[in-house]
N, C-alpha and C. Protein backbone atom coordinates (compact mmCIF):
# COMPACT_ATOMS: atom_id res chain seq x y z
N UNK A 1 21.60 11.72 19.71
CA UNK A 1 21.39 12.97 20.41
C UNK A 1 22.71 13.46 21.03
N UNK A 2 23.47 12.59 21.66
CA UNK A 2 24.73 12.95 22.28
C UNK A 2 25.86 12.47 21.39
N UNK A 3 26.72 13.36 20.96
CA UNK A 3 27.79 13.04 20.05
C UNK A 3 29.06 12.72 20.81
N UNK A 4 29.52 11.49 20.70
CA UNK A 4 30.73 11.08 21.42
C UNK A 4 32.00 11.41 20.65
N UNK A 5 31.86 11.91 19.42
CA UNK A 5 33.04 12.26 18.63
C UNK A 5 33.84 13.40 19.26
N UNK A 6 33.16 14.21 20.08
CA UNK A 6 33.85 15.31 20.75
C UNK A 6 35.00 14.78 21.61
N UNK A 7 34.77 13.67 22.28
CA UNK A 7 35.79 13.14 23.16
C UNK A 7 36.98 12.58 22.38
N UNK A 8 36.73 11.98 21.24
CA UNK A 8 37.85 11.49 20.45
C UNK A 8 38.59 12.64 19.79
N UNK A 9 37.89 13.73 19.48
CA UNK A 9 38.54 14.89 18.89
C UNK A 9 39.51 15.54 19.87
N UNK A 10 39.11 15.60 21.12
CA UNK A 10 39.97 16.22 22.12
C UNK A 10 41.18 15.35 22.44
N UNK A 11 41.11 14.06 22.15
CA UNK A 11 42.20 13.13 22.42
C UNK A 11 42.66 13.25 23.87
N UNK A 12 41.81 12.79 24.75
CA UNK A 12 42.03 12.95 26.18
C UNK A 12 43.31 12.29 26.67
N UNK A 13 43.83 11.34 25.92
CA UNK A 13 45.06 10.69 26.36
C UNK A 13 46.25 11.63 26.30
N UNK A 14 46.15 12.73 25.55
CA UNK A 14 47.24 13.71 25.48
C UNK A 14 47.22 14.71 26.62
N UNK A 15 46.22 14.67 27.46
CA UNK A 15 46.14 15.61 28.57
C UNK A 15 47.31 15.36 29.52
N UNK A 16 47.99 16.43 29.90
CA UNK A 16 49.15 16.29 30.79
C UNK A 16 48.72 15.77 32.15
N UNK A 17 47.65 16.30 32.68
CA UNK A 17 47.12 15.86 33.96
C UNK A 17 45.60 15.86 33.84
N UNK A 18 45.02 14.70 33.46
CA UNK A 18 43.58 14.68 33.22
C UNK A 18 42.74 14.99 34.46
N UNK A 19 43.32 14.89 35.64
CA UNK A 19 42.58 15.26 36.85
C UNK A 19 42.48 16.77 36.99
N UNK A 20 43.46 17.48 36.44
CA UNK A 20 43.47 18.94 36.51
C UNK A 20 42.58 19.54 35.43
N UNK A 21 42.80 19.16 34.18
CA UNK A 21 41.99 19.62 33.06
C UNK A 21 41.71 18.43 32.16
N UNK A 22 40.49 18.28 31.69
CA UNK A 22 40.18 17.13 30.83
C UNK A 22 40.53 17.35 29.37
N UNK A 23 41.45 18.28 29.08
CA UNK A 23 41.87 18.52 27.72
C UNK A 23 43.34 18.92 27.72
N UNK A 24 44.01 18.79 26.58
CA UNK A 24 45.44 19.06 26.51
C UNK A 24 45.80 20.53 26.73
N UNK A 25 47.06 20.75 27.02
CA UNK A 25 47.59 22.08 27.29
C UNK A 25 47.35 23.02 26.11
N UNK A 26 47.56 22.53 24.89
CA UNK A 26 47.41 23.37 23.70
C UNK A 26 45.99 23.89 23.57
N UNK A 27 45.01 23.06 23.91
CA UNK A 27 43.62 23.48 23.83
C UNK A 27 43.31 24.54 24.90
N UNK A 28 43.90 24.38 26.08
CA UNK A 28 43.72 25.38 27.14
C UNK A 28 44.33 26.71 26.73
N UNK A 29 45.49 26.67 26.09
CA UNK A 29 46.12 27.89 25.60
C UNK A 29 45.22 28.56 24.57
N UNK A 30 44.66 27.77 23.67
CA UNK A 30 43.77 28.32 22.65
C UNK A 30 42.54 28.98 23.24
N UNK A 31 41.89 28.30 24.20
CA UNK A 31 40.71 28.88 24.85
C UNK A 31 41.08 30.16 25.60
N UNK A 32 42.22 30.17 26.25
CA UNK A 32 42.65 31.35 27.00
C UNK A 32 42.90 32.53 26.08
N UNK A 33 43.53 32.28 24.95
CA UNK A 33 43.81 33.36 24.00
C UNK A 33 42.50 33.91 23.44
N UNK A 34 41.58 33.02 23.07
CA UNK A 34 40.29 33.46 22.53
C UNK A 34 39.54 34.30 23.57
N UNK A 35 39.50 33.83 24.82
CA UNK A 35 38.80 34.57 25.88
C UNK A 35 39.47 35.91 26.14
N UNK A 36 40.80 35.94 26.17
CA UNK A 36 41.52 37.19 26.40
C UNK A 36 41.21 38.21 25.31
N UNK A 37 41.29 37.78 24.06
CA UNK A 37 41.02 38.68 22.94
C UNK A 37 39.57 39.16 22.99
N UNK A 38 38.63 38.25 23.27
CA UNK A 38 37.22 38.62 23.34
C UNK A 38 36.98 39.70 24.40
N UNK A 39 37.50 39.49 25.62
CA UNK A 39 37.26 40.45 26.69
C UNK A 39 37.98 41.78 26.43
N UNK A 40 39.15 41.76 25.83
CA UNK A 40 39.85 43.00 25.51
C UNK A 40 39.07 43.79 24.45
N UNK A 41 38.58 43.11 23.43
CA UNK A 41 37.79 43.79 22.41
C UNK A 41 36.53 44.38 23.02
N UNK A 42 35.84 43.62 23.86
CA UNK A 42 34.63 44.13 24.51
C UNK A 42 34.96 45.31 25.42
N UNK A 43 36.13 45.28 26.07
CA UNK A 43 36.52 46.39 26.93
C UNK A 43 36.73 47.66 26.12
N UNK A 44 37.34 47.55 24.95
CA UNK A 44 37.55 48.73 24.12
C UNK A 44 36.24 49.34 23.66
N UNK A 45 35.22 48.52 23.45
CA UNK A 45 33.92 49.04 23.02
C UNK A 45 33.07 49.52 24.19
N UNK A 46 33.01 48.76 25.27
CA UNK A 46 32.09 49.06 26.37
C UNK A 46 32.72 49.81 27.53
N UNK A 47 34.02 49.66 27.73
CA UNK A 47 34.75 50.31 28.83
C UNK A 47 34.21 49.92 30.20
N UNK A 48 33.85 48.66 30.36
CA UNK A 48 33.38 48.18 31.66
C UNK A 48 34.53 47.47 32.37
N UNK A 49 34.75 47.78 33.64
CA UNK A 49 35.92 47.24 34.33
C UNK A 49 35.91 45.71 34.48
N UNK A 50 34.73 45.11 34.57
CA UNK A 50 34.70 43.66 34.75
C UNK A 50 35.30 42.94 33.54
N UNK A 51 35.21 43.55 32.36
CA UNK A 51 35.77 42.93 31.17
C UNK A 51 37.30 42.88 31.23
N UNK A 52 37.88 43.92 31.75
CA UNK A 52 39.33 43.95 31.90
C UNK A 52 39.78 42.96 32.97
N UNK A 53 39.01 42.86 34.06
CA UNK A 53 39.35 41.91 35.12
C UNK A 53 39.29 40.49 34.59
N UNK A 54 38.24 40.16 33.83
CA UNK A 54 38.11 38.82 33.28
C UNK A 54 39.15 38.55 32.19
N UNK A 55 39.54 39.60 31.46
CA UNK A 55 40.59 39.44 30.45
C UNK A 55 41.90 39.02 31.09
N UNK A 56 42.14 39.42 32.32
CA UNK A 56 43.35 39.02 33.04
C UNK A 56 43.16 37.72 33.80
N UNK A 57 41.95 37.46 34.26
CA UNK A 57 41.68 36.27 35.08
C UNK A 57 41.76 34.99 34.27
N UNK A 58 41.29 35.02 33.04
CA UNK A 58 41.28 33.79 32.24
C UNK A 58 42.70 33.31 31.94
N UNK A 59 43.59 34.15 31.42
CA UNK A 59 44.96 33.65 31.19
C UNK A 59 45.70 33.32 32.49
N UNK A 60 45.29 33.96 33.59
CA UNK A 60 45.93 33.65 34.88
C UNK A 60 45.72 32.19 35.26
N UNK A 61 44.64 31.59 34.79
CA UNK A 61 44.38 30.19 35.10
C UNK A 61 45.44 29.27 34.48
N UNK A 62 46.19 29.78 33.52
CA UNK A 62 47.26 28.99 32.92
C UNK A 62 48.37 28.66 33.91
N UNK A 63 48.46 29.41 34.99
CA UNK A 63 49.50 29.14 35.98
C UNK A 63 49.30 27.80 36.67
N UNK A 64 48.14 27.21 36.53
CA UNK A 64 47.91 25.89 37.11
C UNK A 64 48.81 24.83 36.48
N UNK A 65 49.26 25.09 35.28
CA UNK A 65 50.10 24.12 34.58
C UNK A 65 51.56 24.16 35.05
N UNK A 66 51.91 25.11 35.91
CA UNK A 66 53.29 25.23 36.37
C UNK A 66 53.70 24.12 37.32
N UNK A 67 52.77 23.67 38.12
CA UNK A 67 53.10 22.68 39.13
C UNK A 67 51.86 21.86 39.46
N UNK A 68 52.07 20.67 40.00
CA UNK A 68 50.96 19.82 40.43
C UNK A 68 50.72 19.96 41.93
N UNK A 69 51.28 20.98 42.53
CA UNK A 69 51.13 21.20 43.96
C UNK A 69 49.68 21.55 44.30
N UNK A 70 49.15 20.87 45.31
CA UNK A 70 47.78 21.15 45.75
C UNK A 70 47.67 22.55 46.35
N UNK A 71 48.73 23.02 46.99
CA UNK A 71 48.72 24.36 47.56
C UNK A 71 48.57 25.40 46.45
N UNK A 72 49.35 25.24 45.38
CA UNK A 72 49.25 26.15 44.24
C UNK A 72 47.86 26.06 43.60
N UNK A 73 47.36 24.84 43.48
CA UNK A 73 46.04 24.61 42.88
C UNK A 73 44.96 25.36 43.65
N UNK A 74 44.93 25.23 44.97
CA UNK A 74 43.90 25.90 45.77
C UNK A 74 44.15 27.40 45.88
N UNK A 75 45.40 27.83 45.87
CA UNK A 75 45.71 29.26 45.92
C UNK A 75 45.22 29.95 44.65
N UNK A 76 45.51 29.35 43.52
CA UNK A 76 45.05 29.92 42.25
C UNK A 76 43.53 29.89 42.17
N UNK A 77 42.93 28.82 42.68
CA UNK A 77 41.47 28.74 42.71
C UNK A 77 40.87 29.85 43.56
N UNK A 78 41.48 30.13 44.71
CA UNK A 78 40.99 31.21 45.57
C UNK A 78 41.17 32.57 44.89
N UNK A 79 42.29 32.76 44.22
CA UNK A 79 42.53 34.02 43.50
C UNK A 79 41.53 34.18 42.37
N UNK A 80 41.27 33.10 41.62
CA UNK A 80 40.29 33.16 40.54
C UNK A 80 38.89 33.46 41.08
N UNK A 81 38.53 32.85 42.19
CA UNK A 81 37.24 33.14 42.80
C UNK A 81 37.16 34.60 43.23
N UNK A 82 38.24 35.10 43.82
CA UNK A 82 38.27 36.51 44.23
C UNK A 82 38.14 37.43 43.02
N UNK A 83 38.81 37.09 41.92
CA UNK A 83 38.70 37.91 40.71
C UNK A 83 37.28 37.90 40.15
N UNK A 84 36.61 36.76 40.21
CA UNK A 84 35.22 36.70 39.74
C UNK A 84 34.30 37.54 40.63
N UNK A 85 34.51 37.46 41.94
CA UNK A 85 33.70 38.27 42.86
C UNK A 85 33.97 39.75 42.63
N UNK A 86 35.24 40.11 42.45
CA UNK A 86 35.60 41.50 42.18
C UNK A 86 34.96 41.97 40.87
N UNK A 87 34.94 41.11 39.86
CA UNK A 87 34.34 41.47 38.58
C UNK A 87 32.84 41.74 38.74
N UNK A 88 32.15 40.89 39.50
CA UNK A 88 30.71 41.09 39.71
C UNK A 88 30.46 42.37 40.50
N UNK A 89 31.22 42.59 41.55
CA UNK A 89 31.06 43.80 42.37
C UNK A 89 31.37 45.04 41.54
N UNK A 90 32.42 44.99 40.74
CA UNK A 90 32.77 46.15 39.92
C UNK A 90 31.68 46.46 38.90
N UNK A 91 30.99 45.43 38.40
CA UNK A 91 29.90 45.69 37.47
C UNK A 91 28.73 46.37 38.16
N UNK A 92 28.41 45.96 39.38
CA UNK A 92 27.36 46.63 40.14
C UNK A 92 27.72 48.09 40.43
N UNK A 93 28.96 48.32 40.81
CA UNK A 93 29.42 49.69 41.09
C UNK A 93 29.37 50.52 39.81
N UNK A 94 29.83 49.94 38.70
CA UNK A 94 29.82 50.66 37.42
C UNK A 94 28.40 51.04 37.02
N UNK A 95 27.46 50.11 37.18
CA UNK A 95 26.07 50.39 36.82
C UNK A 95 25.46 51.46 37.73
N UNK A 96 25.84 51.46 39.02
CA UNK A 96 25.29 52.47 39.92
C UNK A 96 25.85 53.87 39.63
N UNK A 97 27.09 53.93 39.13
CA UNK A 97 27.70 55.23 38.81
C UNK A 97 27.32 55.72 37.42
N UNK A 98 26.70 54.86 36.62
CA UNK A 98 26.30 55.23 35.26
C UNK A 98 24.82 54.93 35.08
N UNK A 99 23.96 55.76 35.65
CA UNK A 99 22.52 55.50 35.53
C UNK A 99 21.99 55.64 34.11
N UNK A 100 22.74 56.30 33.25
CA UNK A 100 22.29 56.45 31.86
C UNK A 100 22.21 55.10 31.15
N UNK A 101 22.92 54.10 31.67
CA UNK A 101 22.84 52.78 31.06
C UNK A 101 21.45 52.19 31.19
N UNK A 102 20.78 52.47 32.30
CA UNK A 102 19.43 51.98 32.51
C UNK A 102 18.48 52.65 31.52
N UNK A 103 18.67 53.95 31.30
CA UNK A 103 17.84 54.68 30.36
C UNK A 103 18.04 54.15 28.93
N UNK A 104 19.29 53.87 28.56
CA UNK A 104 19.57 53.34 27.23
C UNK A 104 18.92 51.98 27.04
N UNK A 105 18.96 51.15 28.08
CA UNK A 105 18.36 49.83 27.98
C UNK A 105 16.85 49.94 27.81
N UNK A 106 16.22 50.85 28.55
CA UNK A 106 14.77 51.03 28.43
C UNK A 106 14.42 51.51 27.03
N UNK A 107 15.22 52.42 26.48
CA UNK A 107 14.97 52.92 25.14
C UNK A 107 15.11 51.82 24.10
N UNK A 108 16.13 50.99 24.25
CA UNK A 108 16.34 49.90 23.29
C UNK A 108 15.22 48.87 23.40
N UNK A 109 14.72 48.62 24.62
CA UNK A 109 13.60 47.69 24.79
C UNK A 109 12.34 48.23 24.12
N UNK A 110 12.11 49.54 24.23
CA UNK A 110 10.93 50.15 23.62
C UNK A 110 11.02 50.10 22.09
N UNK A 111 12.21 50.33 21.55
CA UNK A 111 12.34 50.29 20.09
C UNK A 111 12.17 48.87 19.56
N UNK A 112 12.59 47.87 20.34
CA UNK A 112 12.38 46.48 19.94
C UNK A 112 10.91 46.12 19.95
N UNK A 113 10.19 46.63 20.95
CA UNK A 113 8.74 46.35 21.02
C UNK A 113 8.02 47.01 19.85
N UNK A 114 8.41 48.20 19.46
CA UNK A 114 7.78 48.90 18.33
C UNK A 114 8.09 48.18 17.01
N UNK A 115 9.27 47.62 16.91
CA UNK A 115 9.65 46.93 15.69
C UNK A 115 8.83 45.67 15.48
N UNK A 116 8.40 45.07 16.56
CA UNK A 116 7.62 43.83 16.46
C UNK A 116 6.22 44.20 16.09
């Protein structure tokens, strides 16, 4: 049921600081690039501000690799938390300023029910 091959694939011994991230730097770079591209593409289609904020927040986490300083670690953590809170708040504000989104969702829900 639980596949332990994942841990050997990641090769945890190559992690620069396993207490900071349980995977190597190259894997973190790959995840950050994928997340950045995903959020940028979604922003071009949806034009929601939280997508742009998250597109910047994910690669910003790469700055943790600059130093092992606890002050930097907690400062970046606080900034990341603030960016997540800002993203959630901006989504609520965006939805309140665009009430047509609620109407579109209701219409799509009705068409799905009719299709079934």
